[in-house]
N, C-alpha and C. Protein backbone atom coordinates (compact mmCIF):
# COMPACT_ATOMS: atom_id res chain seq x y z
N MET A 1 -57.41 223.67 -55.82
CA MET A 1 -57.43 222.49 -55.00
C MET A 1 -56.82 222.82 -53.63
N ASN A 2 -57.52 222.46 -52.57
CA ASN A 2 -57.07 222.79 -51.22
C ASN A 2 -55.72 222.14 -50.91
N THR A 3 -54.84 222.93 -50.32
CA THR A 3 -53.49 222.49 -50.01
C THR A 3 -53.10 222.95 -48.61
N LEU A 4 -52.51 222.06 -47.87
CA LEU A 4 -51.94 222.41 -46.56
C LEU A 4 -50.44 222.26 -46.69
N ILE A 5 -49.70 223.31 -46.35
CA ILE A 5 -48.25 223.21 -46.39
C ILE A 5 -47.66 223.55 -45.04
N ALA A 6 -46.52 222.95 -44.79
CA ALA A 6 -45.66 223.33 -43.67
C ALA A 6 -44.41 223.90 -44.31
N VAL A 7 -44.07 225.11 -43.95
CA VAL A 7 -42.92 225.76 -44.58
C VAL A 7 -42.04 226.41 -43.52
N ALA A 8 -40.74 226.28 -43.74
CA ALA A 8 -39.75 226.99 -42.94
C ALA A 8 -38.95 227.84 -43.91
N ILE A 9 -38.98 229.14 -43.71
CA ILE A 9 -38.24 230.09 -44.54
C ILE A 9 -37.27 230.81 -43.61
N ALA A 10 -35.98 230.62 -43.85
CA ALA A 10 -35.00 231.16 -42.92
C ALA A 10 -33.80 231.76 -43.65
N PRO A 11 -33.25 232.83 -43.10
CA PRO A 11 -32.04 233.42 -43.67
C PRO A 11 -30.83 232.55 -43.34
N CYS A 12 -29.85 232.60 -44.20
CA CYS A 12 -28.61 231.85 -43.98
C CYS A 12 -27.42 232.81 -43.96
N GLY A 13 -26.48 232.52 -43.07
CA GLY A 13 -25.22 233.25 -43.07
C GLY A 13 -25.27 234.66 -42.53
N ILE A 14 -26.25 234.96 -41.67
CA ILE A 14 -26.32 236.34 -41.15
C ILE A 14 -26.13 236.42 -39.64
N GLY A 15 -25.79 235.31 -39.00
CA GLY A 15 -25.56 235.35 -37.57
C GLY A 15 -26.35 234.30 -36.82
N ASP A 16 -26.28 234.39 -35.49
CA ASP A 16 -26.92 233.39 -34.63
C ASP A 16 -28.38 233.68 -34.33
N GLU A 17 -28.75 234.93 -34.24
CA GLU A 17 -30.13 235.28 -33.89
C GLU A 17 -30.89 235.65 -35.15
N LEU A 18 -31.87 234.84 -35.50
CA LEU A 18 -32.61 235.01 -36.75
C LEU A 18 -34.03 235.52 -36.56
N ALA A 19 -34.44 235.74 -35.31
CA ALA A 19 -35.83 236.11 -35.02
C ALA A 19 -36.31 237.34 -35.79
N PRO A 20 -35.52 238.41 -35.91
CA PRO A 20 -36.04 239.57 -36.65
C PRO A 20 -36.38 239.26 -38.11
N GLU A 21 -35.53 238.49 -38.77
CA GLU A 21 -35.77 238.13 -40.17
C GLU A 21 -36.94 237.15 -40.29
N VAL A 22 -37.01 236.19 -39.39
CA VAL A 22 -38.12 235.24 -39.41
C VAL A 22 -39.43 235.98 -39.15
N ALA A 23 -39.41 236.97 -38.30
CA ALA A 23 -40.62 237.76 -38.03
C ALA A 23 -41.10 238.47 -39.30
N GLU A 24 -40.18 238.94 -40.12
CA GLU A 24 -40.57 239.57 -41.39
C GLU A 24 -41.28 238.57 -42.29
N VAL A 25 -40.78 237.35 -42.33
CA VAL A 25 -41.38 236.28 -43.13
C VAL A 25 -42.78 235.96 -42.61
N VAL A 26 -42.90 235.77 -41.32
CA VAL A 26 -44.19 235.41 -40.72
C VAL A 26 -45.20 236.54 -40.90
N LYS A 27 -44.75 237.77 -40.86
CA LYS A 27 -45.65 238.91 -41.07
C LYS A 27 -46.30 238.83 -42.45
N VAL A 28 -45.51 238.52 -43.47
CA VAL A 28 -46.05 238.39 -44.83
C VAL A 28 -47.10 237.29 -44.88
N ILE A 29 -46.81 236.17 -44.23
CA ILE A 29 -47.74 235.04 -44.21
C ILE A 29 -49.03 235.43 -43.50
N ARG A 30 -48.92 236.05 -42.35
CA ARG A 30 -50.12 236.44 -41.59
C ARG A 30 -50.96 237.47 -42.32
N GLU A 31 -50.31 238.38 -43.02
CA GLU A 31 -51.03 239.42 -43.74
C GLU A 31 -51.70 238.88 -45.02
N SER A 32 -51.38 237.66 -45.40
CA SER A 32 -51.96 237.07 -46.61
C SER A 32 -53.45 236.82 -46.47
N GLY A 33 -53.92 236.66 -45.24
CA GLY A 33 -55.32 236.35 -45.01
C GLY A 33 -55.66 234.87 -45.06
N LEU A 34 -54.69 234.03 -45.45
CA LEU A 34 -54.92 232.59 -45.45
C LEU A 34 -54.79 232.05 -44.03
N PRO A 35 -55.50 230.98 -43.71
CA PRO A 35 -55.33 230.36 -42.40
C PRO A 35 -53.87 229.92 -42.23
N ASN A 36 -53.29 230.24 -41.07
CA ASN A 36 -51.90 229.87 -40.82
C ASN A 36 -51.66 229.67 -39.34
N HIS A 37 -50.61 228.95 -39.04
CA HIS A 37 -50.25 228.66 -37.65
C HIS A 37 -48.74 228.51 -37.59
N THR A 38 -48.10 229.28 -36.73
CA THR A 38 -46.65 229.26 -36.60
C THR A 38 -46.23 228.54 -35.33
N THR A 39 -45.28 227.62 -35.47
CA THR A 39 -44.67 226.95 -34.32
C THR A 39 -43.18 227.31 -34.32
N SER A 40 -42.43 226.68 -33.46
CA SER A 40 -41.02 227.04 -33.32
C SER A 40 -40.19 226.71 -34.56
N MET A 41 -40.67 225.79 -35.41
CA MET A 41 -39.86 225.40 -36.55
C MET A 41 -40.53 225.57 -37.91
N PHE A 42 -41.86 225.61 -37.96
CA PHE A 42 -42.57 225.71 -39.23
C PHE A 42 -43.77 226.62 -39.10
N THR A 43 -44.25 227.08 -40.24
CA THR A 43 -45.54 227.74 -40.32
C THR A 43 -46.39 226.93 -41.28
N GLU A 44 -47.60 226.60 -40.84
CA GLU A 44 -48.56 225.93 -41.71
C GLU A 44 -49.43 226.98 -42.36
N ILE A 45 -49.73 226.77 -43.64
CA ILE A 45 -50.60 227.66 -44.40
C ILE A 45 -51.57 226.78 -45.18
N GLU A 46 -52.84 227.16 -45.19
CA GLU A 46 -53.83 226.37 -45.92
C GLU A 46 -54.61 227.25 -46.87
N GLY A 47 -54.87 226.70 -48.06
CA GLY A 47 -55.66 227.40 -49.06
C GLY A 47 -55.52 226.73 -50.41
N GLU A 48 -55.98 227.40 -51.43
CA GLU A 48 -55.83 226.89 -52.78
C GLU A 48 -54.35 226.89 -53.17
N TRP A 49 -53.93 225.89 -53.96
CA TRP A 49 -52.52 225.71 -54.32
C TRP A 49 -51.86 227.01 -54.76
N ASP A 50 -52.42 227.70 -55.74
CA ASP A 50 -51.79 228.90 -56.27
C ASP A 50 -51.69 230.01 -55.22
N GLU A 51 -52.71 230.13 -54.38
CA GLU A 51 -52.67 231.15 -53.32
C GLU A 51 -51.58 230.85 -52.31
N VAL A 52 -51.49 229.58 -51.90
CA VAL A 52 -50.48 229.20 -50.91
C VAL A 52 -49.08 229.40 -51.48
N MET A 53 -48.87 228.99 -52.72
CA MET A 53 -47.54 229.11 -53.31
C MET A 53 -47.15 230.58 -53.52
N LYS A 54 -48.12 231.43 -53.78
CA LYS A 54 -47.82 232.87 -53.89
C LYS A 54 -47.36 233.41 -52.55
N VAL A 55 -48.01 232.99 -51.48
CA VAL A 55 -47.60 233.43 -50.15
C VAL A 55 -46.18 232.95 -49.83
N VAL A 56 -45.88 231.70 -50.17
CA VAL A 56 -44.52 231.18 -49.95
C VAL A 56 -43.51 232.02 -50.73
N LYS A 57 -43.82 232.32 -51.98
CA LYS A 57 -42.91 233.13 -52.79
C LYS A 57 -42.73 234.52 -52.19
N ASP A 58 -43.83 235.17 -51.85
CA ASP A 58 -43.76 236.52 -51.28
C ASP A 58 -42.97 236.53 -49.97
N ALA A 59 -43.20 235.53 -49.13
CA ALA A 59 -42.50 235.46 -47.84
C ALA A 59 -41.02 235.18 -48.04
N THR A 60 -40.69 234.37 -49.02
CA THR A 60 -39.28 234.08 -49.32
C THR A 60 -38.58 235.32 -49.85
N PHE A 61 -39.23 236.01 -50.75
CA PHE A 61 -38.60 237.15 -51.40
C PHE A 61 -38.46 238.36 -50.50
N VAL A 62 -39.18 238.41 -49.39
CA VAL A 62 -39.00 239.53 -48.46
C VAL A 62 -37.56 239.56 -47.94
N LEU A 63 -36.94 238.39 -47.82
CA LEU A 63 -35.54 238.33 -47.42
C LEU A 63 -34.60 238.37 -48.63
N ALA A 64 -34.93 237.58 -49.65
CA ALA A 64 -34.07 237.50 -50.82
C ALA A 64 -33.88 238.86 -51.48
N GLU A 65 -34.92 239.68 -51.47
CA GLU A 65 -34.82 241.01 -52.06
C GLU A 65 -33.89 241.94 -51.27
N LYS A 66 -33.52 241.53 -50.07
CA LYS A 66 -32.54 242.28 -49.26
C LYS A 66 -31.14 241.68 -49.42
N ASN A 67 -30.98 240.83 -50.44
CA ASN A 67 -29.72 240.14 -50.70
C ASN A 67 -29.32 239.20 -49.56
N ILE A 68 -30.32 238.65 -48.89
CA ILE A 68 -30.09 237.67 -47.83
C ILE A 68 -30.30 236.28 -48.43
N ARG A 69 -29.27 235.44 -48.32
CA ARG A 69 -29.44 234.06 -48.77
C ARG A 69 -30.56 233.43 -47.95
N THR A 70 -31.51 232.79 -48.63
CA THR A 70 -32.71 232.31 -47.97
C THR A 70 -32.93 230.84 -48.27
N GLU A 71 -33.16 230.08 -47.20
CA GLU A 71 -33.41 228.64 -47.33
C GLU A 71 -34.90 228.37 -47.10
N VAL A 72 -35.48 227.52 -47.95
CA VAL A 72 -36.90 227.18 -47.84
C VAL A 72 -37.04 225.67 -47.75
N VAL A 73 -37.73 225.21 -46.70
CA VAL A 73 -38.10 223.80 -46.56
C VAL A 73 -39.62 223.76 -46.60
N LEU A 74 -40.17 222.93 -47.49
CA LEU A 74 -41.61 222.92 -47.69
C LEU A 74 -42.12 221.50 -47.82
N LYS A 75 -43.22 221.23 -47.14
CA LYS A 75 -43.92 219.95 -47.25
C LYS A 75 -45.37 220.28 -47.56
N ALA A 76 -45.95 219.62 -48.57
CA ALA A 76 -47.31 219.92 -48.99
C ALA A 76 -48.19 218.68 -48.90
N ASP A 77 -49.44 218.90 -48.47
CA ASP A 77 -50.46 217.86 -48.45
C ASP A 77 -51.61 218.36 -49.32
N VAL A 78 -51.71 217.81 -50.53
CA VAL A 78 -52.76 218.16 -51.46
C VAL A 78 -53.82 217.07 -51.36
N ARG A 79 -54.97 217.41 -50.81
CA ARG A 79 -55.99 216.41 -50.54
C ARG A 79 -57.33 216.87 -51.10
N PRO A 80 -57.65 216.46 -52.33
CA PRO A 80 -58.90 216.89 -52.95
C PRO A 80 -60.11 216.57 -52.08
N GLY A 81 -61.05 217.54 -52.04
CA GLY A 81 -62.30 217.33 -51.32
C GLY A 81 -62.23 217.58 -49.83
N HIS A 82 -61.09 218.03 -49.33
CA HIS A 82 -60.96 218.29 -47.89
C HIS A 82 -60.59 219.74 -47.66
N THR A 83 -61.12 220.31 -46.58
CA THR A 83 -60.78 221.66 -46.17
C THR A 83 -60.52 221.65 -44.66
N LYS A 84 -60.01 222.74 -44.17
CA LYS A 84 -59.71 222.90 -42.74
C LYS A 84 -58.84 221.76 -42.21
N MET A 85 -57.91 221.30 -43.05
CA MET A 85 -57.04 220.19 -42.65
C MET A 85 -56.11 220.58 -41.50
N MET A 86 -55.75 221.85 -41.42
CA MET A 86 -54.86 222.29 -40.36
C MET A 86 -55.46 221.97 -38.99
N GLU A 87 -56.77 222.08 -38.88
CA GLU A 87 -57.46 221.82 -37.62
C GLU A 87 -57.86 220.35 -37.48
N THR A 88 -58.49 219.81 -38.53
CA THR A 88 -59.08 218.48 -38.39
C THR A 88 -58.05 217.37 -38.25
N LYS A 89 -56.89 217.51 -38.88
CA LYS A 89 -55.88 216.46 -38.76
C LYS A 89 -55.41 216.34 -37.30
N ALA A 90 -55.15 217.46 -36.67
CA ALA A 90 -54.71 217.45 -35.28
C ALA A 90 -55.84 217.01 -34.35
N ASP A 91 -57.06 217.46 -34.64
CA ASP A 91 -58.21 217.08 -33.80
C ASP A 91 -58.42 215.57 -33.78
N LYS A 92 -58.25 214.91 -34.91
CA LYS A 92 -58.42 213.45 -34.97
C LYS A 92 -57.43 212.74 -34.05
N VAL A 93 -56.19 213.18 -34.07
CA VAL A 93 -55.18 212.57 -33.21
C VAL A 93 -55.50 212.86 -31.74
N ASN A 94 -55.86 214.10 -31.44
CA ASN A 94 -56.19 214.47 -30.06
C ASN A 94 -57.41 213.69 -29.55
N ASP A 95 -58.39 213.43 -30.40
CA ASP A 95 -59.56 212.63 -30.01
C ASP A 95 -59.14 211.21 -29.64
N ILE A 96 -58.25 210.65 -30.42
CA ILE A 96 -57.76 209.28 -30.12
C ILE A 96 -57.03 209.28 -28.79
N LEU A 97 -56.35 210.36 -28.47
CA LEU A 97 -55.61 210.45 -27.20
C LEU A 97 -56.50 210.94 -26.05
N GLY A 98 -57.76 210.95 -26.25
CA GLY A 98 -58.68 211.35 -25.16
C GLY A 98 -58.77 212.83 -24.98
N GLY A 99 -58.58 213.60 -26.05
CA GLY A 99 -58.71 215.05 -25.97
C GLY A 99 -57.49 215.75 -25.43
N LYS A 100 -56.40 215.03 -25.17
CA LYS A 100 -55.19 215.64 -24.63
C LYS A 100 -54.34 216.21 -25.75
N LYS A 101 -53.76 217.37 -25.47
CA LYS A 101 -52.86 218.02 -26.44
C LYS A 101 -51.44 217.90 -26.00
């Protein structure tokens, strides 16, 4: 079943600059081959439930396996019969706003 998730996977207790560790997480997500989009606070991933959850697990464990305490915030939209939600949901809002982003 198609699932769109927004996930934030971040290390805890390792200092003020987290970009190198977050980059490791995002690399795993991007290499998964699933559609994804990273913003300053979350990465969206879309695909079948089991595939998406495997990517979340793999991305989380890239830090946890280094003995880094890892925090995961996840929001899921499971919408049977719909695909490409990452694009179409935003497009609908942008259309209402006259095509402005």
